Amino acid sequence: MNHDLINGARPLDKGRVRHVRVAPGRRVECLSGSIWITQDGDPRDIVLAAGEAFDFDRRGDALLSAFADSRYLLLEACACAAAGVTAPGPSARRAAAGS
């Protein structure tokens, strides 16, 4: 378990709303509770339960709202995700290693 990530978890109390600036590849992970996500100009409503995550696919403003007392992580996009490059899967890594 990566304790640095868990220590970076942010609380969001029931009924509270948090504004975040997002970009493609930025990710929110719900660690506990239930969080509703809405993005400016996006007709979708995303609801995360504990253990679920959402990767933002557009730049702009988003609101996180807690249906219950919650904890979440907001992770930055890695350079490869921002460039649209995906990491190779396990079989590709084995082939590159000569297995």
Protein backbone atom coordinates (compact mmCIF):
# COMPACT_ATOMS: atom_id res chain seq x y z
CA MET A 1 0.00 0.00 0.00
CA ASN A 2 1.34 3.44 -0.88
CA HIS A 3 0.99 5.44 2.34
CA ASP A 4 2.05 8.67 0.60
CA LEU A 5 -1.12 8.52 -1.49
CA ILE A 6 -3.32 7.64 1.48
CA ASN A 7 -1.79 10.51 3.47
CA GLY A 8 -2.68 12.82 0.54
CA ALA A 9 -6.36 11.91 0.78
CA ARG A 10 -8.69 14.85 1.16
CA PRO A 11 -11.89 14.82 3.23
CA LEU A 12 -15.17 16.05 1.80
CA ASP A 13 -18.03 16.18 4.28
CA LYS A 14 -21.60 15.29 3.32
CA GLY A 15 -23.24 18.16 1.46
CA ARG A 16 -19.97 20.02 0.82
CA VAL A 17 -18.78 20.99 -2.67
CA ARG A 18 -15.22 21.41 -3.88
CA HIS A 19 -14.22 23.22 -7.10
CA VAL A 20 -11.26 21.77 -9.02
CA ARG A 21 -9.52 22.69 -12.28
CA VAL A 22 -9.14 19.59 -14.42
CA ALA A 23 -7.40 18.49 -17.59
CA PRO A 24 -7.35 15.25 -19.56
CA GLY A 25 -5.67 12.52 -17.57
CA ARG A 26 -6.30 14.05 -14.15
CA ARG A 27 -7.98 11.46 -11.93
CA VAL A 28 -10.19 11.44 -8.86
CA GLU A 29 -10.35 8.30 -6.71
CA CYS A 30 -13.05 7.88 -4.07
CA LEU A 31 -11.55 6.16 -1.03
CA SER A 32 -14.66 6.25 1.14
CA GLY A 33 -18.17 7.61 0.99
CA SER A 34 -19.82 8.70 -2.24
CA ILE A 35 -18.91 11.61 -4.54
CA TRP A 36 -20.85 13.21 -7.37
CA ILE A 37 -18.79 14.85 -10.14
CA THR A 38 -20.03 17.35 -12.69
CA GLN A 39 -17.90 19.14 -15.30
CA ASP A 40 -18.58 22.44 -17.02
CA GLY A 41 -20.13 21.74 -20.43
CA ASP A 42 -20.47 17.98 -19.85
CA PRO A 43 -24.01 16.56 -19.69
CA ARG A 44 -22.86 13.46 -17.78
CA ASP A 45 -23.27 13.01 -14.05
CA ILE A 46 -20.59 10.79 -12.55
CA VAL A 47 -21.15 9.18 -9.15
CA LEU A 48 -18.27 7.38 -7.46
CA ALA A 49 -18.59 4.94 -4.58
CA ALA A 50 -15.67 3.89 -2.41
CA GLY A 51 -13.05 2.14 -4.53
CA GLU A 52 -14.12 3.74 -7.81
CA ALA A 53 -12.24 6.32 -9.90
CA PHE A 54 -12.84 8.70 -12.78
CA ASP A 55 -10.34 10.01 -15.33
CA PHE A 56 -11.20 13.48 -16.62
CA ASP A 57 -11.32 13.72 -20.41
CA ARG A 58 -11.64 17.48 -20.81
CA ARG A 59 -10.05 20.67 -19.56
CA GLY A 60 -12.00 23.09 -17.39
CA ASP A 61 -13.88 23.32 -14.13
CA ALA A 62 -15.41 20.47 -12.19
CA LEU A 63 -17.37 20.24 -8.96
CA LEU A 64 -17.05 17.39 -6.48
CA SER A 65 -20.00 17.02 -4.13
CA ALA A 66 -20.27 14.52 -1.28
CA PHE A 67 -23.43 12.47 -0.84
CA ALA A 68 -21.89 11.11 2.39
CA ASP A 69 -18.79 11.95 4.43
CA SER A 70 -16.05 11.02 1.96
CA ARG A 71 -12.32 10.89 1.35
CA TYR A 72 -10.77 11.15 -2.09
CA LEU A 73 -7.49 11.50 -3.96
CA LEU A 74 -7.00 13.96 -6.78
CA LEU A 75 -4.12 12.74 -8.94
CA GLU A 76 -2.28 14.71 -11.59
CA ALA A 77 -1.92 13.38 -15.11
CA CYS A 78 1.46 11.85 -15.86
CA ALA A 79 3.40 13.26 -18.81
CA CYS A 80 2.63 10.19 -20.96
CA ALA A 81 -1.14 10.50 -20.35
CA ALA A 82 -1.08 14.21 -21.16
CA ALA A 83 0.67 13.37 -24.45
CA GLY A 84 -1.87 10.64 -25.24
CA VAL A 85 0.67 7.82 -24.82
CA THR A 86 -0.38 4.71 -22.96
CA ALA A 87 1.94 2.48 -20.99
CA PRO A 88 2.56 -0.97 -22.46
CA GLY A 89 0.67 -3.87 -20.96
CA PRO A 90 2.35 -6.76 -19.08
CA SER A 91 2.86 -8.88 -22.21
CA ALA A 92 4.61 -6.00 -24.00
CA ARG A 93 6.89 -5.47 -21.01
CA ARG A 94 7.78 -9.19 -20.91
CA ALA A 95 8.58 -9.16 -24.65
CA ALA A 96 10.78 -6.10 -24.23
CA ALA A 97 12.60 -7.82 -21.37
CA GLY A 98 13.25 -10.88 -23.53
CA SER A 99 10.95 -13.29 -21.67
